[in-house]
Amino acid sequence: MRVGIIGAGGIGRTHARAVLAGEGTLLAGLYDVDKARAASAADDLGVRAFTSLDEFYEAVDAVVVASPNRTHAAYACEAVDRGRHVLCEKPMAVDLEETAAMRDRAAGAAVVCCVGFNYRYLGVVQEIRRQLHDGVLGQVLHVDLAFRRGSALTRKTFTWRDDAGERFTSGALGDLGVHLIDLLHHLFDGPVDTAGCQVGLRTKVAAKEGRRVRVDDHAFVSGRLATGPHFTLTASKSSTPDDVGFRVSVTGSHGELLYRSQDGPVLHVRTGVEWEPVKVLGATRLEDPPGEVPGWADSFVAQLHDWTATVAGAERLGALAGFDDGHRAQQVLDELLRKGEVS
């Protein structure tokens, strides 16, 4: 399958490396409105940089949309209209109107469209899902998810991510928390009951380069799933180095499990007195960037494999997030952000 990447930034390059490392895929090239950036990325990867979208679409069977959030809907819908399969980075779009339009457009087309919720493909998440499916913990009572980074502290330049126009998708809750929202749906097979949620949003880094930051950089949500379990969710871009990482804790009637990315590729499970370690990382294809969750780079390869297998009608992992999933996550995200809206 010939895959092309729209967006030559960091996440676009990550998808490109996944395509190069995958089986049954060919990286046809990249397109970016910033032609110099596209040329630089293409040169690094040894592929073509397209300057024309028409030429780009003629050269590909499938498109990864990895451009800024506000452009996702337009690129994805154009790709569907041209009969190309689509993997759109999260968040799927900037509002519900756009995600609904994308979902409806994909539903009427003979293409496979999915959203880049790559955390579904982490080894730890797959192992947690297996443990839950096997009933190891009994009835799930409480879930705690946290995703903490320090980018609001380390990135000093004011960018589109800090502007009011992106506030519903580029803050801590929209950018990081949407992964956690999707994991709640994916792992526990039930939607977030937003009516009873409590939401706290903060902007700890209030300004950059003399301009006011208009998005949250720290978010906390407490609530419950429609299937019963209560949850707490923390998404932060303003955490200190000692606190950064990805954390999952699940308490059930017969046991509990705990994962902390700082501990490496190990899930801890307890059904009695002692915690038992479970290794969750196998052979690696791509090296993780410093500070990333173990297996992060390879999660893009696994996601790509699931997408291409779905296109081919072959055996797949079955974790692929469709546009319906993306729209559902956007609904929850939209309601939570409005509940705790930063003024």
C-alpha atoms as a PDB file:
ATOM      1  CA  MET A   1       0.000   0.000   0.000  1.00  0.00           C
ATOM      2  CA  ARG A   2       1.483   3.330  -1.080  1.00  0.00           C
ATOM      3  CA  VAL A   3       1.187   5.721   1.866  1.00  0.00           C
ATOM      4  CA  GLY A   4       1.657   9.482   1.748  1.00  0.00           C
ATOM      5  CA  ILE A   5       2.024  11.817   4.728  1.00  0.00           C
ATOM      6  CA  ILE A   6       0.384  15.254   4.916  1.00  0.00           C
ATOM      7  CA  GLY A   7       2.349  17.285   7.458  1.00  0.00           C
ATOM      8  CA  ALA A   8       6.121  17.174   7.787  1.00  0.00           C
ATOM      9  CA  GLY A   9       6.392  18.103  11.448  1.00  0.00           C
ATOM     10  CA  GLY A  10       7.459  15.814  14.271  1.00  0.00           C
ATOM     11  CA  ILE A  11       4.395  13.570  14.279  1.00  0.00           C
ATOM     12  CA  GLY A  12       4.420  13.364  10.475  1.00  0.00           C
ATOM     13  CA  ARG A  13       8.013  12.154  10.567  1.00  0.00           C
ATOM     14  CA  THR A  14       7.052   9.575  13.212  1.00  0.00           C
ATOM     15  CA  HIS A  15       4.332   8.176  10.949  1.00  0.00           C
ATOM     16  CA  ALA A  16       6.768   8.205   8.026  1.00  0.00           C
ATOM     17  CA  ARG A  17       9.305   6.129   9.959  1.00  0.00           C
ATOM     18  CA  ALA A  18       6.532   3.696  10.906  1.00  0.00           C
ATOM     19  CA  VAL A  19       5.637   3.277   7.224  1.00  0.00           C
ATOM     20  CA  LEU A  20       9.283   2.638   6.375  1.00  0.00           C
ATOM     21  CA  ALA A  21       9.522   0.050   9.167  1.00  0.00           C
ATOM     22  CA  GLY A  22       6.212  -1.627   8.343  1.00  0.00           C
ATOM     23  CA  GLU A  23       5.487  -4.607   6.130  1.00  0.00           C
ATOM     24  CA  GLY A  24       3.421  -4.282   2.986  1.00  0.00           C
ATOM     25  CA  THR A  25       3.714  -0.485   2.915  1.00  0.00           C
ATOM     26  CA  LEU A  26       5.663   1.937   0.759  1.00  0.00           C
ATOM     27  CA  LEU A  27       6.290   5.543   1.757  1.00  0.00           C
ATOM     28  CA  ALA A  28       5.378   7.444  -1.396  1.00  0.00           C
ATOM     29  CA  GLY A  29       6.325  10.850  -0.021  1.00  0.00           C
ATOM     30  CA  LEU A  30       5.266  13.865   2.006  1.00  0.00           C
ATOM     31  CA  TYR A  31       3.278  17.041   1.450  1.00  0.00           C
ATOM     32  CA  ASP A  32       3.330  20.191   3.581  1.00  0.00           C
ATOM     33  CA  VAL A  33       2.248  23.756   2.864  1.00  0.00           C
ATOM     34  CA  ASP A  34       5.700  24.709   4.184  1.00  0.00           C
ATOM     35  CA  LYS A  35       7.635  23.478   1.174  1.00  0.00           C
ATOM     36  CA  ALA A  36      11.038  23.921   2.818  1.00  0.00           C
ATOM     37  CA  ARG A  37       9.997  21.793   5.787  1.00  0.00           C
ATOM     38  CA  ALA A  38       8.606  19.120   3.474  1.00  0.00           C
ATOM     39  CA  ALA A  39      11.826  19.096   1.451  1.00  0.00           C
ATOM     40  CA  SER A  40      13.955  18.796   4.594  1.00  0.00           C
ATOM     41  CA  ALA A  41      11.903  15.919   6.003  1.00  0.00           C
ATOM     42  CA  ALA A  42      11.773  14.117   2.660  1.00  0.00           C
ATOM     43  CA  ASP A  43      15.526  14.443   2.253  1.00  0.00           C
ATOM     44  CA  ASP A  44      16.092  12.974   5.732  1.00  0.00           C
ATOM     45  CA  LEU A  45      13.780  10.048   4.946  1.00  0.00           C
ATOM     46  CA  GLY A  46      14.971   9.487   1.387  1.00  0.00           C
ATOM     47  CA  VAL A  47      11.565  10.066  -0.228  1.00  0.00           C
ATOM     48  CA  ARG A  48       9.838  12.621  -2.429  1.00  0.00           C
ATOM     49  CA  ALA A  49       8.502  15.974  -1.234  1.00  0.00           C
ATOM     50  CA  PHE A  50       5.360  16.874  -3.183  1.00  0.00           C
ATOM     51  CA  THR A  51       4.562  20.499  -3.971  1.00  0.00           C
ATOM     52  CA  SER A  52       1.204  19.713  -5.596  1.00  0.00           C
ATOM     53  CA  LEU A  53      -1.673  17.968  -3.817  1.00  0.00           C
ATOM     54  CA  ASP A  54      -2.949  16.637  -7.149  1.00  0.00           C
ATOM     55  CA  GLU A  55       0.392  14.924  -7.801  1.00  0.00           C
ATOM     56  CA  PHE A  56       0.481  13.708  -4.204  1.00  0.00           C
ATOM     57  CA  TYR A  57      -2.921  12.005  -4.442  1.00  0.00           C
ATOM     58  CA  GLU A  58      -2.056  10.419  -7.770  1.00  0.00           C
ATOM     59  CA  ALA A  59       0.961   8.749  -6.138  1.00  0.00           C
ATOM     60  CA  VAL A  60      -0.742   7.282  -3.044  1.00  0.00           C
ATOM     61  CA  ASP A  61      -3.368   4.727  -2.046  1.00  0.00           C
ATOM     62  CA  ALA A  62      -3.635   5.940   1.539  1.00  0.00           C
ATOM     63  CA  VAL A  63      -3.044   9.180   3.409  1.00  0.00           C
ATOM     64  CA  VAL A  64      -1.858   9.952   6.931  1.00  0.00           C
ATOM     65  CA  VAL A  65      -3.135  13.388   7.985  1.00  0.00           C
ATOM     66  CA  ALA A  66      -0.555  14.731  10.433  1.00  0.00           C
ATOM     67  CA  SER A  67      -0.994  18.460   9.868  1.00  0.00           C
ATOM     68  CA  PRO A  68      -2.205  21.022  12.466  1.00  0.00           C
ATOM     69  CA  ASN A  69      -5.556  20.165  14.064  1.00  0.00           C
ATOM     70  CA  ARG A  70      -7.526  22.896  12.288  1.00  0.00           C
ATOM     71  CA  THR A  71      -6.664  21.356   8.890  1.00  0.00           C
ATOM     72  CA  HIS A  72      -7.574  17.730   9.685  1.00  0.00           C
ATOM     73  CA  ALA A  73     -11.170  17.827   8.463  1.00  0.00           C
ATOM     74  CA  ALA A  74     -10.429  19.446   5.105  1.00  0.00           C
ATOM     75  CA  TYR A  75      -7.542  17.127   4.239  1.00  0.00           C
ATOM     76  CA  ALA A  76      -9.330  13.984   5.441  1.00  0.00           C
ATOM     77  CA  CYS A  77     -12.536  14.747   3.546  1.00  0.00           C
ATOM     78  CA  GLU A  78     -10.608  15.546   0.360  1.00  0.00           C
ATOM     79  CA  ALA A  79      -8.703  12.263   0.647  1.00  0.00           C
ATOM     80  CA  VAL A  80     -11.971  10.326   1.097  1.00  0.00           C
ATOM     81  CA  ASP A  81     -13.501  12.102  -1.899  1.00  0.00           C
ATOM     82  CA  ARG A  82     -10.493  11.019  -3.960  1.00  0.00           C
ATOM     83  CA  GLY A  83     -10.962   7.401  -2.856  1.00  0.00           C
ATOM     84  CA  ARG A  84      -7.954   7.236  -0.564  1.00  0.00           C
ATOM     85  CA  HIS A  85      -7.815   5.420   2.763  1.00  0.00           C
ATOM     86  CA  VAL A  86      -7.230   7.801   5.704  1.00  0.00           C
ATOM     87  CA  LEU A  87      -5.426   7.671   9.027  1.00  0.00           C
ATOM     88  CA  CYS A  88      -6.095  11.017  10.703  1.00  0.00           C
ATOM     89  CA  GLU A  89      -4.070  12.070  13.713  1.00  0.00           C
ATOM     90  CA  LYS A  90      -5.877  12.860  16.931  1.00  0.00           C
ATOM     91  CA  PRO A  91      -7.719  14.929  17.896  1.00  0.00           C
ATOM     92  CA  MET A  92      -9.829  14.091  14.872  1.00  0.00           C
ATOM     93  CA  ALA A  93     -10.824  17.746  14.288  1.00  0.00           C
ATOM     94  CA  VAL A  94     -11.431  20.978  16.179  1.00  0.00           C
ATOM     95  CA  ASP A  95     -15.168  20.631  16.840  1.00  0.00           C
ATOM     96  CA  LEU A  96     -18.130  18.267  16.659  1.00  0.00           C
ATOM     97  CA  GLU A  97     -19.448  19.716  13.409  1.00  0.00           C
ATOM     98  CA  GLU A  98     -16.187  18.783  11.678  1.00  0.00           C
ATOM     99  CA  THR A  99     -15.922  15.294  13.206  1.00  0.00           C
ATOM    100  CA  ALA A 100     -19.549  14.568  12.301  1.00  0.00           C
ATOM    101  CA  ALA A 101     -18.907  15.655   8.706  1.00  0.00           C
ATOM    102  CA  MET A 102     -15.800  13.444   8.541  1.00  0.00           C
ATOM    103  CA  ARG A 103     -17.665  10.467  10.012  1.00  0.00           C
ATOM    104  CA  ASP A 104     -20.563  10.852   7.592  1.00  0.00           C
ATOM    105  CA  ARG A 105     -18.261  11.311   4.594  1.00  0.00           C
ATOM    106  CA  ALA A 106     -16.320   8.154   5.487  1.00  0.00           C
ATOM    107  CA  ALA A 107     -19.483   6.128   6.113  1.00  0.00           C
ATOM    108  CA  GLY A 108     -20.546   6.519   2.503  1.00  0.00           C
ATOM    109  CA  ALA A 109     -17.171   5.709   0.945  1.00  0.00           C
ATOM    110  CA  ALA A 110     -15.399   2.457   0.066  1.00  0.00           C
ATOM    111  CA  VAL A 111     -12.297   3.348   2.077  1.00  0.00           C
ATOM    112  CA  VAL A 112     -10.955   2.552   5.557  1.00  0.00           C
ATOM    113  CA  CYS A 113     -10.764   5.637   7.769  1.00  0.00           C
ATOM    114  CA  CYS A 114      -9.262   5.641  11.248  1.00  0.00           C
ATOM    115  CA  VAL A 115      -7.994   7.968  13.976  1.00  0.00           C
ATOM    116  CA  GLY A 116      -4.451   7.922  15.341  1.00  0.00           C
ATOM    117  CA  PHE A 117      -5.129   6.697  18.865  1.00  0.00           C
ATOM    118  CA  ASN A 118      -1.793   4.882  18.915  1.00  0.00           C
ATOM    119  CA  TYR A 119      -1.862   4.368  22.693  1.00  0.00           C
ATOM    120  CA  ARG A 120      -4.284   1.503  22.050  1.00  0.00           C
ATOM    121  CA  TYR A 121      -1.291  -0.323  20.577  1.00  0.00           C
ATOM    122  CA  LEU A 122       1.079   0.049  23.511  1.00  0.00           C
ATOM    123  CA  GLY A 123       2.067  -3.336  24.884  1.00  0.00           C
ATOM    124  CA  VAL A 124       0.868  -2.327  28.338  1.00  0.00           C
ATOM    125  CA  VAL A 125      -2.567  -1.308  27.071  1.00  0.00           C
ATOM    126  CA  GLN A 126      -2.979  -4.567  25.161  1.00  0.00           C
ATOM    127  CA  GLU A 127      -2.000  -6.520  28.284  1.00  0.00           C
ATOM    128  CA  ILE A 128      -4.401  -4.519  30.480  1.00  0.00           C
ATOM    129  CA  ARG A 129      -7.207  -5.192  28.013  1.00  0.00           C
ATOM    130  CA  ARG A 130      -6.389  -8.916  28.121  1.00  0.00           C
ATOM    131  CA  GLN A 131      -6.389  -8.944  31.926  1.00  0.00           C
ATOM    132  CA  LEU A 132      -9.744  -7.166  32.015  1.00  0.00           C
ATOM    133  CA  HIS A 133     -11.244  -9.469  29.374  1.00  0.00           C
ATOM    134  CA  ASP A 134     -10.090 -12.511  31.349  1.00  0.00           C
ATOM    135  CA  GLY A 135     -11.748 -11.156  34.501  1.00  0.00           C
ATOM    136  CA  VAL A 136      -8.527 -11.206  36.520  1.00  0.00           C
ATOM    137  CA  LEU A 137      -9.578  -8.164  38.573  1.00  0.00           C
ATOM    138  CA  GLY A 138     -13.226  -9.083  38.930  1.00  0.00           C
ATOM    139  CA  GLN A 139     -15.693  -6.193  38.692  1.00  0.00           C
ATOM    140  CA  VAL A 140     -13.905  -2.940  37.875  1.00  0.00           C
ATOM    141  CA  LEU A 141     -14.609  -0.342  40.550  1.00  0.00           C
ATOM    142  CA  HIS A 142     -12.221   2.545  39.891  1.00  0.00           C
ATOM    143  CA  VAL A 143      -9.811   3.674  37.181  1.00  0.00           C
ATOM    144  CA  ASP A 144      -7.101   6.329  37.431  1.00  0.00           C
ATOM    145  CA  LEU A 145      -5.351   7.543  34.276  1.00  0.00           C
ATOM    146  CA  ALA A 146      -2.645  10.187  34.059  1.00  0.00           C
ATOM    147  CA  PHE A 147      -0.565  11.573  31.216  1.00  0.00           C
ATOM    148  CA  ARG A 148       1.961  14.173  32.324  1.00  0.00           C
ATOM    149  CA  ARG A 149       4.491  16.099  30.265  1.00  0.00           C
ATOM    150  CA  GLY A 150       6.533  19.262  30.713  1.00  0.00           C
ATOM    151  CA  SER A 151       6.232  20.868  27.278  1.00  0.00           C
ATOM    152  CA  ALA A 152       4.472  23.993  28.577  1.00  0.00           C
ATOM    153  CA  LEU A 153       7.551  24.637  30.713  1.00  0.00           C
ATOM    154  CA  THR A 154      10.202  23.773  28.121  1.00  0.00           C
ATOM    155  CA  ARG A 155       8.686  25.343  24.994  1.00  0.00           C
ATOM    156  CA  LYS A 156       9.209  29.080  25.336  1.00  0.00           C
ATOM    157  CA  THR A 157       7.927  30.158  21.900  1.00  0.00           C
ATOM    158  CA  PHE A 158       4.259  31.110  21.402  1.00  0.00           C
ATOM    159  CA  THR A 159       2.770  28.878  18.670  1.00  0.00           C
ATOM    160  CA  TRP A 160      -0.625  27.984  17.189  1.00  0.00           C
ATOM    161  CA  ARG A 161      -1.013  25.478  20.036  1.00  0.00           C
ATOM    162  CA  ASP A 162      -1.256  28.369  22.531  1.00  0.00           C
ATOM    163  CA  ASP A 163      -3.791  30.433  20.583  1.00  0.00           C
ATOM    164  CA  ALA A 164      -7.508  30.746  21.346  1.00  0.00           C
ATOM    165  CA  GLY A 165      -8.399  29.312  17.953  1.00  0.00           C
ATOM    166  CA  GLU A 166      -6.981  25.932  19.007  1.00  0.00           C
ATOM    167  CA  ARG A 167      -8.112  25.945  22.630  1.00  0.00           C
ATOM    168  CA  PHE A 168     -10.480  22.985  22.300  1.00  0.00           C
ATOM    169  CA  THR A 169      -7.870  20.603  20.908  1.00  0.00           C
ATOM    170  CA  SER A 170      -4.340  21.774  21.687  1.00  0.00           C
ATOM    171  CA  GLY A 171      -4.403  22.222  25.462  1.00  0.00           C
ATOM    172  CA  ALA A 172      -3.500  19.489  27.921  1.00  0.00           C
ATOM    173  CA  LEU A 173      -6.971  17.956  27.903  1.00  0.00           C
ATOM    174  CA  GLY A 174      -7.472  18.228  24.130  1.00  0.00           C
ATOM    175  CA  ASP A 175      -4.004  17.059  23.129  1.00  0.00           C
ATOM    176  CA  LEU A 176      -3.069  14.534  25.834  1.00  0.00           C
ATOM    177  CA  GLY A 177      -6.367  13.902  27.602  1.00  0.00           C
ATOM    178  CA  VAL A 178      -8.112  12.799  24.418  1.00  0.00           C
ATOM    179  CA  HIS A 179      -5.856   9.716  24.463  1.00  0.00           C
ATOM    180  CA  LEU A 180      -7.075   8.964  27.987  1.00  0.00           C
ATOM    181  CA  ILE A 181     -10.716   9.515  27.028  1.00  0.00           C
ATOM    182  CA  ASP A 182     -10.295   7.059  24.168  1.00  0.00           C
ATOM    183  CA  LEU A 183      -8.582   4.535  26.465  1.00  0.00           C
ATOM    184  CA  LEU A 184     -11.513   4.710  28.884  1.00  0.00           C
ATOM    185  CA  HIS A 185     -13.831   3.869  25.979  1.00  0.00           C
ATOM    186  CA  HIS A 186     -11.527   1.217  24.525  1.00  0.00           C
ATOM    187  CA  LEU A 187     -10.637  -0.611  27.733  1.00  0.00           C
ATOM    188  CA  PHE A 188     -13.964  -0.493  29.525  1.00  0.00           C
ATOM    189  CA  ASP A 189     -16.444  -0.727  26.638  1.00  0.00           C
ATOM    190  CA  GLY A 190     -18.630   2.137  27.754  1.00  0.00           C
ATOM    191  CA  PRO A 191     -18.840   5.897  27.196  1.00  0.00           C
ATOM    192  CA  VAL A 192     -17.944   8.562  29.731  1.00  0.00           C
ATOM    193  CA  ASP A 193     -21.061   9.869  31.493  1.00  0.00           C
ATOM    194  CA  THR A 194     -20.223  13.556  31.111  1.00  0.00           C
ATOM    195  CA  ALA A 195     -23.290  14.812  32.983  1.00  0.00           C
ATOM    196  CA  GLY A 196     -21.797  13.941  36.352  1.00  0.00           C
ATOM    197  CA  CYS A 197     -18.168  14.837  35.627  1.00  0.00           C
ATOM    198  CA  GLN A 198     -16.245  17.438  37.585  1.00  0.00           C
ATOM    199  CA  VAL A 199     -13.611  19.284  35.559  1.00  0.00           C
ATOM    200  CA  GLY A 200     -10.736  21.525  36.572  1.00  0.00           C
ATOM    201  CA  LEU A 201      -8.634  23.314  33.944  1.00  0.00           C
ATOM    202  CA  ARG A 202      -5.616  25.476  34.680  1.00  0.00           C
ATOM    203  CA  THR A 203      -3.115  27.501  32.694  1.00  0.00           C
ATOM    204  CA  LYS A 204       0.003  27.473  34.829  1.00  0.00           C
ATOM    205  CA  VAL A 205       2.227  29.048  32.160  1.00  0.00           C
ATOM    206  CA  ALA A 206       0.114  32.134  31.509  1.00  0.00           C
ATOM    207  CA  ALA A 207       2.201  33.841  28.808  1.00  0.00           C
ATOM    208  CA  LYS A 208       4.900  33.221  26.220  1.00  0.00           C
ATOM    209  CA  GLU A 209       6.846  35.917  24.372  1.00  0.00           C
ATOM    210  CA  GLY A 210       4.567  38.528  25.949  1.00  0.00           C
ATOM    211  CA  ARG A 211       1.396  36.917  24.582  1.00  0.00           C
ATOM    212  CA  ARG A 212      -1.310  35.355  26.712  1.00  0.00           C
ATOM    213  CA  VAL A 213      -1.622  31.571  26.480  1.00  0.00           C
ATOM    214  CA  ARG A 214      -5.289  30.764  25.846  1.00  0.00           C
ATOM    215  CA  VAL A 215      -5.293  26.997  26.387  1.00  0.00           C
ATOM    216  CA  ASP A 216      -5.128  24.814  29.486  1.00  0.00           C
ATOM    217  CA  ASP A 217      -1.833  23.168  30.384  1.00  0.00           C
ATOM    218  CA  HIS A 218      -3.190  21.117  33.313  1.00  0.00           C
ATOM    219  CA  ALA A 219      -6.531  19.302  33.534  1.00  0.00           C
ATOM    220  CA  PHE A 220      -8.235  17.058  36.073  1.00  0.00           C
ATOM    221  CA  VAL A 221     -11.502  15.188  35.535  1.00  0.00           C
ATOM    222  CA  SER A 222     -13.455  12.957  37.893  1.00  0.00           C
ATOM    223  CA  GLY A 223     -16.583  11.055  36.922  1.00  0.00           C
ATOM    224  CA  ARG A 224     -17.939   7.678  35.976  1.00  0.00           C
ATOM    225  CA  LEU A 225     -18.446   5.510  32.934  1.00  0.00           C
ATOM    226  CA  ALA A 226     -21.922   4.553  31.782  1.00  0.00           C
ATOM    227  CA  THR A 227     -20.948   0.937  32.532  1.00  0.00           C
ATOM    228  CA  GLY A 228     -20.453   1.762  36.227  1.00  0.00           C
ATOM    229  CA  PRO A 229     -16.778   2.291  37.172  1.00  0.00           C
ATOM    230  CA  HIS A 230     -15.675   5.631  38.559  1.00  0.00           C
ATOM    231  CA  PHE A 231     -12.571   7.281  37.139  1.00  0.00           C
ATOM    232  CA  THR A 232     -10.118  10.108  37.612  1.00  0.00           C
ATOM    233  CA  LEU A 233      -8.120  11.554  34.728  1.00  0.00           C
ATOM    234  CA  THR A 234      -5.144  13.901  34.795  1.00  0.00           C
ATOM    235  CA  ALA A 235      -3.594  15.479  31.702  1.00  0.00           C
ATOM    236  CA  SER A 236      -0.755  17.934  32.137  1.00  0.00           C
ATOM    237  CA  LYS A 237       1.821  19.763  30.036  1.00  0.00           C
ATOM    238  CA  SER A 238       3.206  21.672  33.028  1.00  0.00           C
ATOM    239  CA  SER A 239       4.619  18.837  35.124  1.00  0.00           C
ATOM    240  CA  THR A 240       8.138  18.844  36.535  1.00  0.00           C
ATOM    241  CA  PRO A 241      10.624  16.185  35.334  1.00  0.00           C
ATOM    242  CA  ASP A 242      10.047  13.983  38.391  1.00  0.00           C
ATOM    243  CA  ASP A 243       6.314  13.745  37.606  1.00  0.00           C
ATOM    244  CA  VAL A 244       6.236  13.253  33.829  1.00  0.00           C
ATOM    245  CA  GLY A 245       4.988   9.956  32.417  1.00  0.00           C
ATOM    246  CA  PHE A 246       1.991   7.786  31.670  1.00  0.00           C
ATOM    247  CA  ARG A 247       0.129   6.026  34.497  1.00  0.00           C
ATOM    248  CA  VAL A 248      -2.764   3.555  34.632  1.00  0.00           C
ATOM    249  CA  SER A 249      -4.264   2.181  37.840  1.00  0.00           C
ATOM    250  CA  VAL A 250      -7.311  -0.103  37.940  1.00  0.00           C
ATOM    251  CA  THR A 251      -8.982  -1.348  41.114  1.00  0.00           C
ATOM    252  CA  GLY A 252     -11.387  -4.272  40.921  1.00  0.00           C
ATOM    253  CA  SER A 253     -13.371  -6.419  43.328  1.00  0.00           C
ATOM    254  CA  HIS A 254     -10.744  -9.205  43.149  1.00  0.00           C
ATOM    255  CA  GLY A 255      -7.502  -7.371  42.443  1.00  0.00           C
ATOM    256  CA  GLU A 256      -5.730  -4.342  41.075  1.00  0.00           C
ATOM    257  CA  LEU A 257      -3.135  -3.406  38.492  1.00  0.00           C
ATOM    258  CA  LEU A 258      -0.688  -0.564  38.168  1.00  0.00           C
ATOM    259  CA  TYR A 259       1.459   0.730  35.320  1.00  0.00           C
ATOM    260  CA  ARG A 260       3.915   3.625  35.519  1.00  0.00           C
ATOM    261  CA  SER A 261       5.990   4.393  32.460  1.00  0.00           C
ATOM    262  CA  GLN A 262       8.862   5.462  34.718  1.00  0.00           C
ATOM    263  CA  ASP A 263       9.188   1.802  35.754  1.00  0.00           C
ATOM    264  CA  GLY A 264       9.842   0.652  32.195  1.00  0.00           C
ATOM    265  CA  PRO A 265       7.923  -2.044  30.273  1.00  0.00           C
ATOM    266  CA  VAL A 266       6.411  -3.711  33.345  1.00  0.00           C
ATOM    267  CA  LEU A 267       2.788  -3.971  34.468  1.00  0.00           C
ATOM    268  CA  HIS A 268       2.194  -4.802  38.139  1.00  0.00           C
ATOM    269  CA  VAL A 269      -0.796  -7.002  39.019  1.00  0.00           C
ATOM    270  CA  ARG A 270      -2.011  -7.975  42.494  1.00  0.00           C
ATOM    271  CA  THR A 271      -4.800 -10.465  43.205  1.00  0.00           C
ATOM    272  CA  GLY A 272      -3.489 -11.426  46.641  1.00  0.00           C
ATOM    273  CA  VAL A 273      -0.900  -9.921  48.968  1.00  0.00           C
ATOM    274  CA  GLU A 274       2.065  -9.526  46.625  1.00  0.00           C
ATOM    275  CA  TRP A 275       2.436  -7.534  43.434  1.00  0.00           C
ATOM    276  CA  GLU A 276       3.426  -9.656  40.423  1.00  0.00           C
ATOM    277  CA  PRO A 277       5.387  -8.045  37.538  1.00  0.00           C
ATOM    278  CA  VAL A 278       4.283  -8.720  33.959  1.00  0.00           C
ATOM    279  CA  LYS A 279       6.648  -7.750  31.129  1.00  0.00           C
ATOM    280  CA  VAL A 280       4.728  -5.935  28.396  1.00  0.00           C
ATOM    281  CA  LEU A 281       7.344  -5.055  25.764  1.00  0.00           C
ATOM    282  CA  GLY A 282       8.587  -7.482  23.135  1.00  0.00           C
ATOM    283  CA  ALA A 283      10.995  -7.048  20.240  1.00  0.00           C
ATOM    284  CA  THR A 284      11.358  -3.445  19.080  1.00  0.00           C
ATOM    285  CA  ARG A 285      11.613  -2.037  15.563  1.00  0.00           C
ATOM    286  CA  LEU A 286      11.941   1.658  16.272  1.00  0.00           C
ATOM    287  CA  GLU A 287      13.757   3.462  19.056  1.00  0.00           C
ATOM    288  CA  ASP A 288      11.622   5.602  21.356  1.00  0.00           C
ATOM    289  CA  PRO A 289      12.500   9.294  21.666  1.00  0.00           C
ATOM    290  CA  PRO A 290      13.905  10.295  25.064  1.00  0.00           C
ATOM    291  CA  GLY A 291      11.196  10.559  27.701  1.00  0.00           C
ATOM    292  CA  GLU A 292       8.510   8.729  25.719  1.00  0.00           C
ATOM    293  CA  VAL A 293       6.430   5.833  27.007  1.00  0.00           C
ATOM    294  CA  PRO A 294       8.175   2.475  26.375  1.00  0.00           C
ATOM    295  CA  GLY A 295       6.969   1.099  23.054  1.00  0.00           C
ATOM    296  CA  TRP A 296       5.614   4.452  21.835  1.00  0.00           C
ATOM    297  CA  ALA A 297       7.406   4.411  18.468  1.00  0.00           C
ATOM    298  CA  ASP A 298       6.432   0.811  17.774  1.00  0.00           C
ATOM    299  CA  SER A 299       2.798   1.585  18.601  1.00  0.00           C
ATOM    300  CA  PHE A 300       2.695   3.551  15.336  1.00  0.00           C
ATOM    301  CA  VAL A 301       4.013   0.512  13.453  1.00  0.00           C
ATOM    302  CA  ALA A 302       1.371  -1.740  15.054  1.00  0.00           C
ATOM    303  CA  GLN A 303      -1.363   0.779  14.289  1.00  0.00           C
ATOM    304  CA  LEU A 304      -0.206   1.003  10.672  1.00  0.00           C
ATOM    305  CA  HIS A 305      -0.235  -2.801  10.412  1.00  0.00           C
ATOM    306  CA  ASP A 306      -3.794  -2.949  11.733  1.00  0.00           C
ATOM    307  CA  TRP A 307      -4.885  -0.263   9.258  1.00  0.00           C
ATOM    308  CA  THR A 308      -3.298  -1.918   6.225  1.00  0.00           C
ATOM    309  CA  ALA A 309      -4.594  -5.351   7.299  1.00  0.00           C
ATOM    310  CA  THR A 310      -8.088  -3.901   7.555  1.00  0.00           C
ATOM    311  CA  VAL A 311      -7.747  -2.425   4.064  1.00  0.00           C
ATOM    312  CA  ALA A 312      -6.597  -5.825   2.746  1.00  0.00           C
ATOM    313  CA  GLY A 313      -9.257  -7.774   4.642  1.00  0.00           C
ATOM    314  CA  ALA A 314      -6.527  -9.786   6.399  1.00  0.00           C
ATOM    315  CA  GLU A 315      -6.147 -10.873  10.021  1.00  0.00           C
ATOM    316  CA  ARG A 316      -5.686  -7.857  12.269  1.00  0.00           C
ATOM    317  CA  LEU A 317      -5.193  -6.808  15.883  1.00  0.00           C
ATOM    318  CA  GLY A 318      -8.685  -5.376  16.114  1.00  0.00           C
ATOM    319  CA  ALA A 319      -7.799  -2.228  18.058  1.00  0.00           C
ATOM    320  CA  LEU A 320      -8.207   0.220  15.173  1.00  0.00           C
ATOM    321  CA  ALA A 321     -10.119   3.371  16.120  1.00  0.00           C
ATOM    322  CA  GLY A 322     -12.598   4.376  13.424  1.00  0.00           C
ATOM    323  CA  PHE A 323     -14.078   7.788  12.733  1.00  0.00           C
ATOM    324  CA  ASP A 324     -17.044   6.819  14.947  1.00  0.00           C
ATOM    325  CA  ASP A 325     -14.585   6.389  17.827  1.00  0.00           C
ATOM    326  CA  GLY A 326     -12.961   9.716  17.033  1.00  0.00           C
ATOM    327  CA  HIS A 327     -16.309  11.495  16.993  1.00  0.00           C
ATOM    328  CA  ARG A 328     -17.314   9.895  20.306  1.00  0.00           C
ATOM    329  CA  ALA A 329     -14.059  11.016  21.944  1.00  0.00           C
ATOM    330  CA  GLN A 330     -14.579  14.505  20.523  1.00  0.00           C
ATOM    331  CA  GLN A 331     -18.083  14.647  22.017  1.00  0.00           C
ATOM    332  CA  VAL A 332     -16.713  13.866  25.475  1.00  0.00           C
ATOM    333  CA  LEU A 333     -13.780  16.240  25.037  1.00  0.00           C
ATOM    334  CA  ASP A 334     -16.068  19.070  23.910  1.00  0.00           C
ATOM    335  CA  GLU A 335     -18.415  18.668  26.888  1.00  0.00           C
ATOM    336  CA  LEU A 336     -15.582  18.395  29.423  1.00  0.00           C
ATOM    337  CA  LEU A 337     -13.821  21.463  28.052  1.00  0.00           C
ATOM    338  CA  ARG A 338     -17.023  23.486  28.206  1.00  0.00           C
ATOM    339  CA  LYS A 339     -17.605  22.392  31.796  1.00  0.00           C
ATOM    340  CA  GLY A 340     -14.190  23.636  32.865  1.00  0.00           C
ATOM    341  CA  GLU A 341     -13.627  26.290  30.226  1.00  0.00           C
ATOM    342  CA  VAL A 342     -10.600  28.517  30.799  1.00  0.00           C
ATOM    343  CA  SER A 343     -11.590  32.179  30.664  1.00  0.00           C
END
